[in-house]
PDB file of all heavy atoms in Angstrom:
ATOM      1  N   GLY A   1     -11.319  -6.429  -1.748  1.00  0.00           N
ATOM      2  CA  GLY A   1     -10.086  -6.874  -1.120  1.00  0.00           C
ATOM      3  C   GLY A   1      -9.876  -6.341   0.283  1.00  0.00           C
ATOM      4  O   GLY A   1      -9.331  -7.041   1.139  1.00  0.00           O
ATOM      5  N   LYS A   2     -10.300  -5.116   0.517  1.00  0.00           N
ATOM      6  CA  LYS A   2     -10.130  -4.520   1.848  1.00  0.00           C
ATOM      7  C   LYS A   2     -10.931  -5.291   2.898  1.00  0.00           C
ATOM      8  O   LYS A   2     -10.445  -5.570   4.002  1.00  0.00           O
ATOM      9  CB  LYS A   2     -10.542  -3.055   1.841  1.00  0.00           C
ATOM     10  CG  LYS A   2     -10.278  -2.331   3.154  1.00  0.00           C
ATOM     11  CD  LYS A   2     -10.655  -0.863   3.049  1.00  0.00           C
ATOM     12  CE  LYS A   2     -10.335  -0.151   4.363  1.00  0.00           C
ATOM     13  NZ  LYS A   2     -10.975  -0.776   5.538  1.00  0.00           N
ATOM     14  N   GLU A   3     -12.168  -5.639   2.554  1.00  0.00           N
ATOM     15  CA  GLU A   3     -12.995  -6.411   3.477  1.00  0.00           C
ATOM     16  C   GLU A   3     -12.367  -7.782   3.738  1.00  0.00           C
ATOM     17  O   GLU A   3     -12.367  -8.269   4.877  1.00  0.00           O
ATOM     18  CB  GLU A   3     -14.408  -6.584   2.912  1.00  0.00           C
ATOM     19  CG  GLU A   3     -15.227  -5.303   2.874  1.00  0.00           C
ATOM     20  CD  GLU A   3     -16.624  -5.527   2.336  1.00  0.00           C
ATOM     21  OE1 GLU A   3     -16.967  -6.683   2.002  1.00  0.00           O
ATOM     22  OE2 GLU A   3     -17.386  -4.547   2.228  1.00  0.00           O
ATOM     23  N   ALA A   4     -11.842  -8.391   2.687  1.00  0.00           N
ATOM     24  CA  ALA A   4     -11.207  -9.705   2.838  1.00  0.00           C
ATOM     25  C   ALA A   4     -10.012  -9.622   3.776  1.00  0.00           C
ATOM     26  O   ALA A   4      -9.832 -10.468   4.662  1.00  0.00           O
ATOM     27  CB  ALA A   4     -10.773 -10.241   1.475  1.00  0.00           C
ATOM     28  N   LEU A   5      -9.202  -8.593   3.599  1.00  0.00           N
ATOM     29  CA  LEU A   5      -8.016  -8.414   4.436  1.00  0.00           C
ATOM     30  C   LEU A   5      -8.408  -8.228   5.896  1.00  0.00           C
ATOM     31  O   LEU A   5      -7.775  -8.789   6.800  1.00  0.00           O
ATOM     32  CB  LEU A   5      -7.209  -7.210   3.942  1.00  0.00           C
ATOM     33  CG  LEU A   5      -5.879  -6.945   4.647  1.00  0.00           C
ATOM     34  CD1 LEU A   5      -4.931  -8.124   4.467  1.00  0.00           C
ATOM     35  CD2 LEU A   5      -5.245  -5.653   4.102  1.00  0.00           C
ATOM     36  N   ASP A   6      -9.470  -7.465   6.131  1.00  0.00           N
ATOM     37  CA  ASP A   6      -9.942  -7.238   7.507  1.00  0.00           C
ATOM     38  C   ASP A   6     -10.366  -8.549   8.165  1.00  0.00           C
ATOM     39  O   ASP A   6     -10.102  -8.778   9.345  1.00  0.00           O
ATOM     40  CB  ASP A   6     -11.100  -6.247   7.516  1.00  0.00           C
ATOM     41  CG  ASP A   6     -10.666  -4.825   7.191  1.00  0.00           C
ATOM     42  OD1 ASP A   6      -9.455  -4.548   7.296  1.00  0.00           O
ATOM     43  OD2 ASP A   6     -11.529  -4.005   6.820  1.00  0.00           O
ATOM     44  N   VAL A   7     -11.036  -9.418   7.393  1.00  0.00           N
ATOM     45  CA  VAL A   7     -11.489 -10.696   7.950  1.00  0.00           C
ATOM     46  C   VAL A   7     -10.292 -11.587   8.284  1.00  0.00           C
ATOM     47  O   VAL A   7     -10.246 -12.210   9.346  1.00  0.00           O
ATOM     48  CB  VAL A   7     -12.445 -11.422   6.974  1.00  0.00           C
ATOM     49  CG1 VAL A   7     -12.795 -12.812   7.513  1.00  0.00           C
ATOM     50  CG2 VAL A   7     -13.708 -10.612   6.757  1.00  0.00           C
ATOM     51  N   VAL A   8      -9.307 -11.643   7.380  1.00  0.00           N
ATOM     52  CA  VAL A   8      -8.129 -12.479   7.613  1.00  0.00           C
ATOM     53  C   VAL A   8      -7.359 -11.999   8.842  1.00  0.00           C
ATOM     54  O   VAL A   8      -6.849 -12.812   9.629  1.00  0.00           O
ATOM     55  CB  VAL A   8      -7.209 -12.480   6.370  1.00  0.00           C
ATOM     56  CG1 VAL A   8      -5.874 -13.173   6.679  1.00  0.00           C
ATOM     57  CG2 VAL A   8      -7.891 -13.175   5.207  1.00  0.00           C
ATOM     58  N   LYS A   9      -7.287 -10.696   9.029  1.00  0.00           N
ATOM     59  CA  LYS A   9      -6.541 -10.135  10.158  1.00  0.00           C
ATOM     60  C   LYS A   9      -7.309 -10.204  11.473  1.00  0.00           C
ATOM     61  O   LYS A   9      -6.731  -9.994  12.541  1.00  0.00           O
ATOM     62  CB  LYS A   9      -6.187  -8.675   9.873  1.00  0.00           C
ATOM     63  CG  LYS A   9      -5.066  -8.491   8.863  1.00  0.00           C
ATOM     64  CD  LYS A   9      -4.710  -7.027   8.732  1.00  0.00           C
ATOM     65  CE  LYS A   9      -3.487  -6.811   7.870  1.00  0.00           C
ATOM     66  NZ  LYS A   9      -3.114  -5.382   7.771  1.00  0.00           N
ATOM     67  N   SER A  10      -8.601 -10.480  11.403  1.00  0.00           N
ATOM     68  CA  SER A  10      -9.424 -10.473  12.606  1.00  0.00           C
ATOM     69  C   SER A  10      -8.923 -11.485  13.633  1.00  0.00           C
ATOM     70  O   SER A  10      -8.633 -12.630  13.308  1.00  0.00           O
ATOM     71  CB  SER A  10     -10.887 -10.794  12.253  1.00  0.00           C
ATOM     72  OG  SER A  10     -11.657 -10.966  13.426  1.00  0.00           O
ATOM     73  N   ALA A  11      -8.828 -11.044  14.869  1.00  0.00           N
ATOM     74  CA  ALA A  11      -8.399 -11.938  15.944  1.00  0.00           C
ATOM     75  C   ALA A  11      -9.516 -12.874  16.371  1.00  0.00           C
ATOM     76  O   ALA A  11      -9.295 -13.858  17.063  1.00  0.00           O
ATOM     77  CB  ALA A  11      -7.930 -11.113  17.144  1.00  0.00           C
ATOM     78  N   GLU A  12     -10.743 -12.550  15.971  1.00  0.00           N
ATOM     79  CA  GLU A  12     -11.903 -13.332  16.407  1.00  0.00           C
ATOM     80  C   GLU A  12     -12.136 -14.569  15.544  1.00  0.00           C
ATOM     81  O   GLU A  12     -12.770 -15.526  15.976  1.00  0.00           O
ATOM     82  CB  GLU A  12     -13.164 -12.457  16.386  1.00  0.00           C
ATOM     83  CG  GLU A  12     -13.080 -11.244  17.312  1.00  0.00           C
ATOM     84  CD  GLU A  12     -14.320 -10.374  17.230  1.00  0.00           C
ATOM     85  OE1 GLU A  12     -15.216 -10.707  16.428  1.00  0.00           O
ATOM     86  OE2 GLU A  12     -14.388  -9.382  17.948  1.00  0.00           O
ATOM     87  N   THR A  13     -11.644 -14.538  14.311  1.00  0.00           N
ATOM     88  CA  THR A  13     -11.935 -15.624  13.372  1.00  0.00           C
ATOM     89  C   THR A  13     -10.652 -16.141  12.744  1.00  0.00           C
ATOM     90  O   THR A  13      -9.850 -15.366  12.229  1.00  0.00           O
ATOM     91  CB  THR A  13     -12.867 -15.128  12.247  1.00  0.00           C
ATOM     92  OG1 THR A  13     -14.044 -14.574  12.817  1.00  0.00           O
ATOM     93  CG2 THR A  13     -13.232 -16.272  11.321  1.00  0.00           C
ATOM     94  N   GLN A  14     -10.461 -17.437  12.772  1.00  0.00           N
ATOM     95  CA  GLN A  14      -9.333 -18.046  12.085  1.00  0.00           C
ATOM     96  C   GLN A  14      -9.806 -18.568  10.737  1.00  0.00           C
ATOM     97  O   GLN A  14     -10.619 -19.480  10.667  1.00  0.00           O
ATOM     98  CB  GLN A  14      -8.730 -19.195  12.893  1.00  0.00           C
ATOM     99  CG  GLN A  14      -7.508 -19.795  12.192  1.00  0.00           C
ATOM    100  CD  GLN A  14      -6.960 -20.997  12.907  1.00  0.00           C
ATOM    101  OE1 GLN A  14      -7.523 -21.450  13.892  1.00  0.00           O
ATOM    102  NE2 GLN A  14      -5.862 -21.537  12.412  1.00  0.00           N
ATOM    103  N   ILE A  15      -9.300 -17.959   9.672  1.00  0.00           N
ATOM    104  CA  ILE A  15      -9.651 -18.366   8.323  1.00  0.00           C
ATOM    105  C   ILE A  15      -8.650 -19.420   7.852  1.00  0.00           C
ATOM    106  O   ILE A  15      -7.442 -19.241   7.973  1.00  0.00           O
ATOM    107  CB  ILE A  15      -9.652 -17.159   7.360  1.00  0.00           C
ATOM    108  CG1 ILE A  15     -10.713 -16.144   7.786  1.00  0.00           C
ATOM    109  CG2 ILE A  15      -9.893 -17.616   5.923  1.00  0.00           C
ATOM    110  CD1 ILE A  15     -12.131 -16.678   7.744  1.00  0.00           C
ATOM    111  N   HIS A  16      -9.162 -20.517   7.311  1.00  0.00           N
ATOM    112  CA  HIS A  16      -8.301 -21.607   6.866  1.00  0.00           C
ATOM    113  C   HIS A  16      -8.050 -21.587   5.357  1.00  0.00           C
ATOM    114  O   HIS A  16      -7.124 -22.248   4.882  1.00  0.00           O
ATOM    115  CB  HIS A  16      -8.916 -22.952   7.254  1.00  0.00           C
ATOM    116  CG  HIS A  16      -9.091 -23.112   8.737  1.00  0.00           C
ATOM    117  ND1 HIS A  16     -10.305 -22.952   9.365  1.00  0.00           N
ATOM    118  CD2 HIS A  16      -8.194 -23.393   9.711  1.00  0.00           C
ATOM    119  CE1 HIS A  16     -10.152 -23.155  10.671  1.00  0.00           C
ATOM    120  NE2 HIS A  16      -8.895 -23.419  10.898  1.00  0.00           N
ATOM    121  N   LEU A  17      -8.886 -20.853   4.604  1.00  0.00           N
ATOM    122  CA  LEU A  17      -8.701 -20.762   3.157  1.00  0.00           C
ATOM    123  C   LEU A  17      -9.476 -19.563   2.635  1.00  0.00           C
ATOM    124  O   LEU A  17     -10.542 -19.233   3.158  1.00  0.00           O
ATOM    125  CB  LEU A  17      -9.175 -22.038   2.457  1.00  0.00           C
ATOM    126  CG  LEU A  17      -8.984 -22.105   0.940  1.00  0.00           C
ATOM    127  CD1 LEU A  17      -8.535 -23.510   0.510  1.00  0.00           C
ATOM    128  CD2 LEU A  17     -10.271 -21.754   0.191  1.00  0.00           C
ATOM    129  N   VAL A  18      -8.921 -18.908   1.599  1.00  0.00           N
ATOM    130  CA  VAL A  18      -9.569 -17.751   0.983  1.00  0.00           C
ATOM    131  C   VAL A  18      -9.835 -18.044  -0.492  1.00  0.00           C
ATOM    132  O   VAL A  18      -8.934 -18.490  -1.217  1.00  0.00           O
ATOM    133  CB  VAL A  18      -8.690 -16.484   1.094  1.00  0.00           C
ATOM    134  CG1 VAL A  18      -9.362 -15.303   0.400  1.00  0.00           C
ATOM    135  CG2 VAL A  18      -8.402 -16.149   2.557  1.00  0.00           C
ATOM    136  N   LEU A  19     -11.060 -17.817  -0.931  1.00  0.00           N
ATOM    137  CA  LEU A  19     -11.427 -17.830  -2.347  1.00  0.00           C
ATOM    138  C   LEU A  19     -11.667 -16.382  -2.740  1.00  0.00           C
ATOM    139  O   LEU A  19     -12.562 -15.731  -2.196  1.00  0.00           O
ATOM    140  CB  LEU A  19     -12.697 -18.651  -2.566  1.00  0.00           C
ATOM    141  CG  LEU A  19     -12.567 -20.174  -2.537  1.00  0.00           C
ATOM    142  CD1 LEU A  19     -13.941 -20.810  -2.398  1.00  0.00           C
ATOM    143  CD2 LEU A  19     -11.886 -20.670  -3.805  1.00  0.00           C
ATOM    144  N   MET A  20     -10.896 -15.860  -3.693  1.00  0.00           N
ATOM    145  CA  MET A  20     -10.957 -14.420  -3.942  1.00  0.00           C
ATOM    146  C   MET A  20     -10.898 -14.074  -5.418  1.00  0.00           C
ATOM    147  O   MET A  20     -10.052 -14.584  -6.169  1.00  0.00           O
ATOM    148  CB  MET A  20      -9.811 -13.719  -3.204  1.00  0.00           C
ATOM    149  CG  MET A  20      -9.824 -12.207  -3.289  1.00  0.00           C
ATOM    150  SD  MET A  20      -8.805 -11.460  -1.988  1.00  0.00           S
ATOM    151  CE  MET A  20      -7.219 -12.244  -2.331  1.00  0.00           C
ATOM    152  N   ASP A  21     -11.793 -13.186  -5.822  1.00  0.00           N
ATOM    153  CA  ASP A  21     -11.811 -12.672  -7.182  1.00  0.00           C
ATOM    154  C   ASP A  21     -10.635 -11.712  -7.374  1.00  0.00           C
ATOM    155  O   ASP A  21     -10.090 -11.166  -6.408  1.00  0.00           O
ATOM    156  CB  ASP A  21     -13.140 -11.942  -7.420  1.00  0.00           C
ATOM    157  CG  ASP A  21     -13.326 -11.524  -8.861  1.00  0.00           C
ATOM    158  OD1 ASP A  21     -12.772 -12.197  -9.751  1.00  0.00           O
ATOM    159  OD2 ASP A  21     -14.024 -10.520  -9.107  1.00  0.00           O
ATOM    160  N   ILE A  22     -10.239 -11.493  -8.622  1.00  0.00           N
ATOM    161  CA  ILE A  22      -9.151 -10.560  -8.900  1.00  0.00           C
ATOM    162  C   ILE A  22      -9.675  -9.146  -9.122  1.00  0.00           C
ATOM    163  O   ILE A  22      -9.235  -8.191  -8.481  1.00  0.00           O
ATOM    164  CB  ILE A  22      -8.340 -11.020 -10.128  1.00  0.00           C
ATOM    165  CG1 ILE A  22      -7.576 -12.308  -9.796  1.00  0.00           C
ATOM    166  CG2 ILE A  22      -7.354  -9.923 -10.560  1.00  0.00           C
ATOM    167  CD1 ILE A  22      -6.749 -12.847 -10.939  1.00  0.00           C
ATOM    168  N   MET A  23     -10.634  -8.988 -10.028  1.00  0.00           N
ATOM    169  CA  MET A  23     -11.132  -7.660 -10.378  1.00  0.00           C
ATOM    170  C   MET A  23     -12.234  -7.235  -9.409  1.00  0.00           C
ATOM    171  O   MET A  23     -13.361  -7.720  -9.477  1.00  0.00           O
ATOM    172  CB  MET A  23     -11.660  -7.651 -11.817  1.00  0.00           C
ATOM    173  CG  MET A  23     -10.622  -8.052 -12.845  1.00  0.00           C
ATOM    174  SD  MET A  23      -9.167  -6.965 -12.835  1.00  0.00           S
ATOM    175  CE  MET A  23      -9.916  -5.448 -13.438  1.00  0.00           C
ATOM    176  N   MET A  24     -11.877  -6.329  -8.471  1.00  0.00           N
ATOM    177  CA  MET A  24     -12.834  -5.850  -7.469  1.00  0.00           C
ATOM    178  C   MET A  24     -12.580  -4.378  -7.171  1.00  0.00           C
ATOM    179  O   MET A  24     -11.464  -3.884  -7.357  1.00  0.00           O
ATOM    180  CB  MET A  24     -12.702  -6.661  -6.169  1.00  0.00           C
ATOM    181  CG  MET A  24     -13.065  -8.128  -6.286  1.00  0.00           C
ATOM    182  SD  MET A  24     -12.970  -8.974  -4.679  1.00  0.00           S
ATOM    183  CE  MET A  24     -11.203  -8.901  -4.347  1.00  0.00           C
ATOM    184  N   PRO A  25     -13.598  -3.656  -6.707  1.00  0.00           N
ATOM    185  CA  PRO A  25     -13.430  -2.248  -6.355  1.00  0.00           C
ATOM    186  C   PRO A  25     -12.672  -2.081  -5.030  1.00  0.00           C
ATOM    187  O   PRO A  25     -12.474  -3.051  -4.300  1.00  0.00           O
ATOM    188  CB  PRO A  25     -14.872  -1.749  -6.224  1.00  0.00           C
ATOM    189  CG  PRO A  25     -15.630  -2.975  -5.794  1.00  0.00           C
ATOM    190  CD  PRO A  25     -14.983  -4.113  -6.530  1.00  0.00           C
ATOM    191  N   GLU A  26     -12.250  -0.840  -4.756  1.00  0.00           N
ATOM    192  CA  GLU A  26     -11.544  -0.441  -3.531  1.00  0.00           C
ATOM    193  C   GLU A  26     -10.157  -1.069  -3.433  1.00  0.00           C
ATOM    194  O   GLU A  26      -9.162  -0.368  -3.362  1.00  0.00           O
ATOM    195  CB  GLU A  26     -12.368  -0.766  -2.276  1.00  0.00           C
ATOM    196  CG  GLU A  26     -13.574   0.133  -2.110  1.00  0.00           C
ATOM    197  CD  GLU A  26     -14.127   0.088  -0.698  1.00  0.00           C
ATOM    198  OE1 GLU A  26     -13.362   0.261   0.271  1.00  0.00           O
ATOM    199  OE2 GLU A  26     -15.342  -0.136  -0.576  1.00  0.00           O
ATOM    200  N   MET A  27     -10.082  -2.378  -3.387  1.00  0.00           N
ATOM    201  CA  MET A  27      -8.802  -3.083  -3.388  1.00  0.00           C
ATOM    202  C   MET A  27      -8.969  -4.372  -4.179  1.00  0.00           C
ATOM    203  O   MET A  27      -9.812  -5.201  -3.839  1.00  0.00           O
ATOM    204  CB  MET A  27      -8.334  -3.399  -1.963  1.00  0.00           C
ATOM    205  CG  MET A  27      -6.974  -4.104  -1.898  1.00  0.00           C
ATOM    206  SD  MET A  27      -6.528  -4.638  -0.214  1.00  0.00           S
ATOM    207  CE  MET A  27      -6.276  -3.039   0.565  1.00  0.00           C
ATOM    208  N   ASP A  28      -8.202  -4.522  -5.274  1.00  0.00           N
ATOM    209  CA  ASP A  28      -8.385  -5.723  -6.094  1.00  0.00           C
ATOM    210  C   ASP A  28      -7.732  -6.939  -5.437  1.00  0.00           C
ATOM    211  O   ASP A  28      -7.055  -6.834  -4.411  1.00  0.00           O
ATOM    212  CB  ASP A  28      -7.864  -5.502  -7.513  1.00  0.00           C
ATOM    213  CG  ASP A  28      -6.361  -5.270  -7.581  1.00  0.00           C
ATOM    214  OD1 ASP A  28      -5.630  -5.829  -6.745  1.00  0.00           O
ATOM    215  OD2 ASP A  28      -5.912  -4.532  -8.480  1.00  0.00           O
ATOM    216  N   GLY A  29      -7.955  -8.096  -6.045  1.00  0.00           N
ATOM    217  CA  GLY A  29      -7.486  -9.335  -5.461  1.00  0.00           C
ATOM    218  C   GLY A  29      -5.976  -9.449  -5.397  1.00  0.00           C
ATOM    219  O   GLY A  29      -5.433 -10.067  -4.478  1.00  0.00           O
ATOM    220  N   ILE A  30      -5.264  -8.867  -6.365  1.00  0.00           N
ATOM    221  CA  ILE A  30      -3.803  -8.935  -6.370  1.00  0.00           C
ATOM    222  C   ILE A  30      -3.231  -8.140  -5.201  1.00  0.00           C
ATOM    223  O   ILE A  30      -2.367  -8.621  -4.462  1.00  0.00           O
ATOM    224  CB  ILE A  30      -3.231  -8.411  -7.703  1.00  0.00           C
ATOM    225  CG1 ILE A  30      -3.736  -9.257  -8.879  1.00  0.00           C
ATOM    226  CG2 ILE A  30      -1.708  -8.404  -7.646  1.00  0.00           C
ATOM    227  CD1 ILE A  30      -3.322 -10.707  -8.825  1.00  0.00           C
ATOM    228  N   GLU A  31      -3.717  -6.917  -5.029  1.00  0.00           N
ATOM    229  CA  GLU A  31      -3.228  -6.086  -3.919  1.00  0.00           C
ATOM    230  C   GLU A  31      -3.571  -6.731  -2.580  1.00  0.00           C
ATOM    231  O   GLU A  31      -2.757  -6.754  -1.656  1.00  0.00           O
ATOM    232  CB  GLU A  31      -3.828  -4.681  -3.998  1.00  0.00           C
ATOM    233  CG  GLU A  31      -3.282  -3.732  -2.932  1.00  0.00           C
ATOM    234  CD  GLU A  31      -3.871  -2.333  -3.014  1.00  0.00           C
ATOM    235  OE1 GLU A  31      -4.637  -2.064  -3.961  1.00  0.00           O
ATOM    236  OE2 GLU A  31      -3.552  -1.517  -2.120  1.00  0.00           O
ATOM    237  N   ALA A  32      -4.775  -7.261  -2.479  1.00  0.00           N
ATOM    238  CA  ALA A  32      -5.180  -7.929  -1.243  1.00  0.00           C
ATOM    239  C   ALA A  32      -4.302  -9.149  -0.986  1.00  0.00           C
ATOM    240  O   ALA A  32      -3.917  -9.430   0.151  1.00  0.00           O
ATOM    241  CB  ALA A  32      -6.648  -8.335  -1.325  1.00  0.00           C
ATOM    242  N   MET A  33      -3.966  -9.876  -2.067  1.00  0.00           N
ATOM    243  CA  MET A  33      -3.113 -11.056  -1.954  1.00  0.00           C
ATOM    244  C   MET A  33      -1.761 -10.684  -1.354  1.00  0.00           C
ATOM    245  O   MET A  33      -1.242 -11.373  -0.460  1.00  0.00           O
ATOM    246  CB  MET A  33      -2.928 -11.643  -3.358  1.00  0.00           C
ATOM    247  CG  MET A  33      -2.014 -12.845  -3.487  1.00  0.00           C
ATOM    248  SD  MET A  33      -2.754 -14.340  -2.852  1.00  0.00           S
ATOM    249  CE  MET A  33      -1.928 -14.442  -1.290  1.00  0.00           C
ATOM    250  N   VAL A  34      -1.176  -9.602  -1.844  1.00  0.00           N
ATOM    251  CA  VAL A  34       0.128  -9.148  -1.352  1.00  0.00           C
ATOM    252  C   VAL A  34       0.052  -8.816   0.135  1.00  0.00           C
ATOM    253  O   VAL A  34       0.917  -9.195   0.929  1.00  0.00           O
ATOM    254  CB  VAL A  34       0.614  -7.920  -2.149  1.00  0.00           C
ATOM    255  CG1 VAL A  34       1.868  -7.327  -1.511  1.00  0.00           C
ATOM    256  CG2 VAL A  34       0.890  -8.303  -3.600  1.00  0.00           C
ATOM    257  N   LYS A  35      -0.994  -8.113   0.535  1.00  0.00           N
ATOM    258  CA  LYS A  35      -1.141  -7.706   1.939  1.00  0.00           C
ATOM    259  C   LYS A  35      -1.450  -8.898   2.846  1.00  0.00           C
ATOM    260  O   LYS A  35      -0.997  -8.945   3.996  1.00  0.00           O
ATOM    261  CB  LYS A  35      -2.220  -6.626   2.064  1.00  0.00           C
ATOM    262  CG  LYS A  35      -1.830  -5.307   1.400  1.00  0.00           C
ATOM    263  CD  LYS A  35      -2.844  -4.225   1.646  1.00  0.00           C
ATOM    264  CE  LYS A  35      -2.407  -2.910   1.026  1.00  0.00           C
ATOM    265  NZ  LYS A  35      -1.157  -2.396   1.649  1.00  0.00           N
ATOM    266  N   ILE A  36      -2.211  -9.854   2.338  1.00  0.00           N
ATOM    267  CA  ILE A  36      -2.487 -11.057   3.127  1.00  0.00           C
ATOM    268  C   ILE A  36      -1.198 -11.811   3.394  1.00  0.00           C
ATOM    269  O   ILE A  36      -0.959 -12.301   4.503  1.00  0.00           O
ATOM    270  CB  ILE A  36      -3.504 -11.963   2.403  1.00  0.00           C
ATOM    271  CG1 ILE A  36      -4.911 -11.354   2.492  1.00  0.00           C
ATOM    272  CG2 ILE A  36      -3.503 -13.371   2.993  1.00  0.00           C
ATOM    273  CD1 ILE A  36      -5.956 -12.086   1.677  1.00  0.00           C
ATOM    274  N   ARG A  37      -0.331 -11.888   2.382  1.00  0.00           N
ATOM    275  CA  ARG A  37       0.924 -12.625   2.553  1.00  0.00           C
ATOM    276  C   ARG A  37       1.874 -11.941   3.550  1.00  0.00           C
ATOM    277  O   ARG A  37       2.819 -12.566   4.032  1.00  0.00           O
ATOM    278  CB  ARG A  37       1.628 -12.792   1.201  1.00  0.00           C
ATOM    279  CG  ARG A  37       1.031 -13.930   0.389  1.00  0.00           C
ATOM    280  CD  ARG A  37       1.316 -15.285   1.039  1.00  0.00           C
ATOM    281  NE  ARG A  37       0.520 -16.367   0.439  1.00  0.00           N
ATOM    282  CZ  ARG A  37      -0.576 -16.865   0.949  1.00  0.00           C
ATOM    283  NH1 ARG A  37      -1.035 -16.394   2.102  1.00  0.00           N
ATOM    284  NH2 ARG A  37      -1.236 -17.830   0.360  1.00  0.00           N
ATOM    285  N   GLU A  38       1.644 -10.687   3.848  1.00  0.00           N
ATOM    286  CA  GLU A  38       2.459  -9.996   4.847  1.00  0.00           C
ATOM    287  C   GLU A  38       2.136 -10.468   6.261  1.00  0.00           C
ATOM    288  O   GLU A  38       2.945 -10.285   7.182  1.00  0.00           O
ATOM    289  CB  GLU A  38       2.246  -8.485   4.755  1.00  0.00           C
ATOM    290  CG  GLU A  38       2.781  -7.865   3.469  1.00  0.00           C
ATOM    291  CD  GLU A  38       2.439  -6.386   3.348  1.00  0.00           C
ATOM    292  OE1 GLU A  38       1.737  -5.875   4.256  1.00  0.00           O
ATOM    293  OE2 GLU A  38       2.874  -5.743   2.378  1.00  0.00           O
ATOM    294  N   CYS A  39       0.958 -11.079   6.433  1.00  0.00           N
ATOM    295  CA  CYS A  39       0.545 -11.451   7.790  1.00  0.00           C
ATOM    296  C   CYS A  39       0.068 -12.889   7.920  1.00  0.00           C
ATOM    297  O   CYS A  39      -0.174 -13.357   9.040  1.00  0.00           O
ATOM    298  CB  CYS A  39      -0.569 -10.511   8.278  1.00  0.00           C
ATOM    299  SG  CYS A  39      -2.111 -10.618   7.328  1.00  0.00           S
ATOM    300  N   SER A  40      -0.080 -13.613   6.811  1.00  0.00           N
ATOM    301  CA  SER A  40      -0.654 -14.959   6.901  1.00  0.00           C
ATOM    302  C   SER A  40      -0.185 -15.838   5.755  1.00  0.00           C
ATOM    303  O   SER A  40       0.059 -15.366   4.647  1.00  0.00           O
ATOM    304  CB  SER A  40      -2.192 -14.871   6.874  1.00  0.00           C
ATOM    305  OG  SER A  40      -2.776 -16.150   6.838  1.00  0.00           O
TER     306      SER A  40
END
């Protein structure tokens, strides 16, 4: 999830859609989902 969040926040790349697993190490998909919604 942390890597996914970094990509979404990147100023260099505009992401139009995210496909994301829920159960993941470091940051799971639910936590990443919440943080993504704070900025996108």
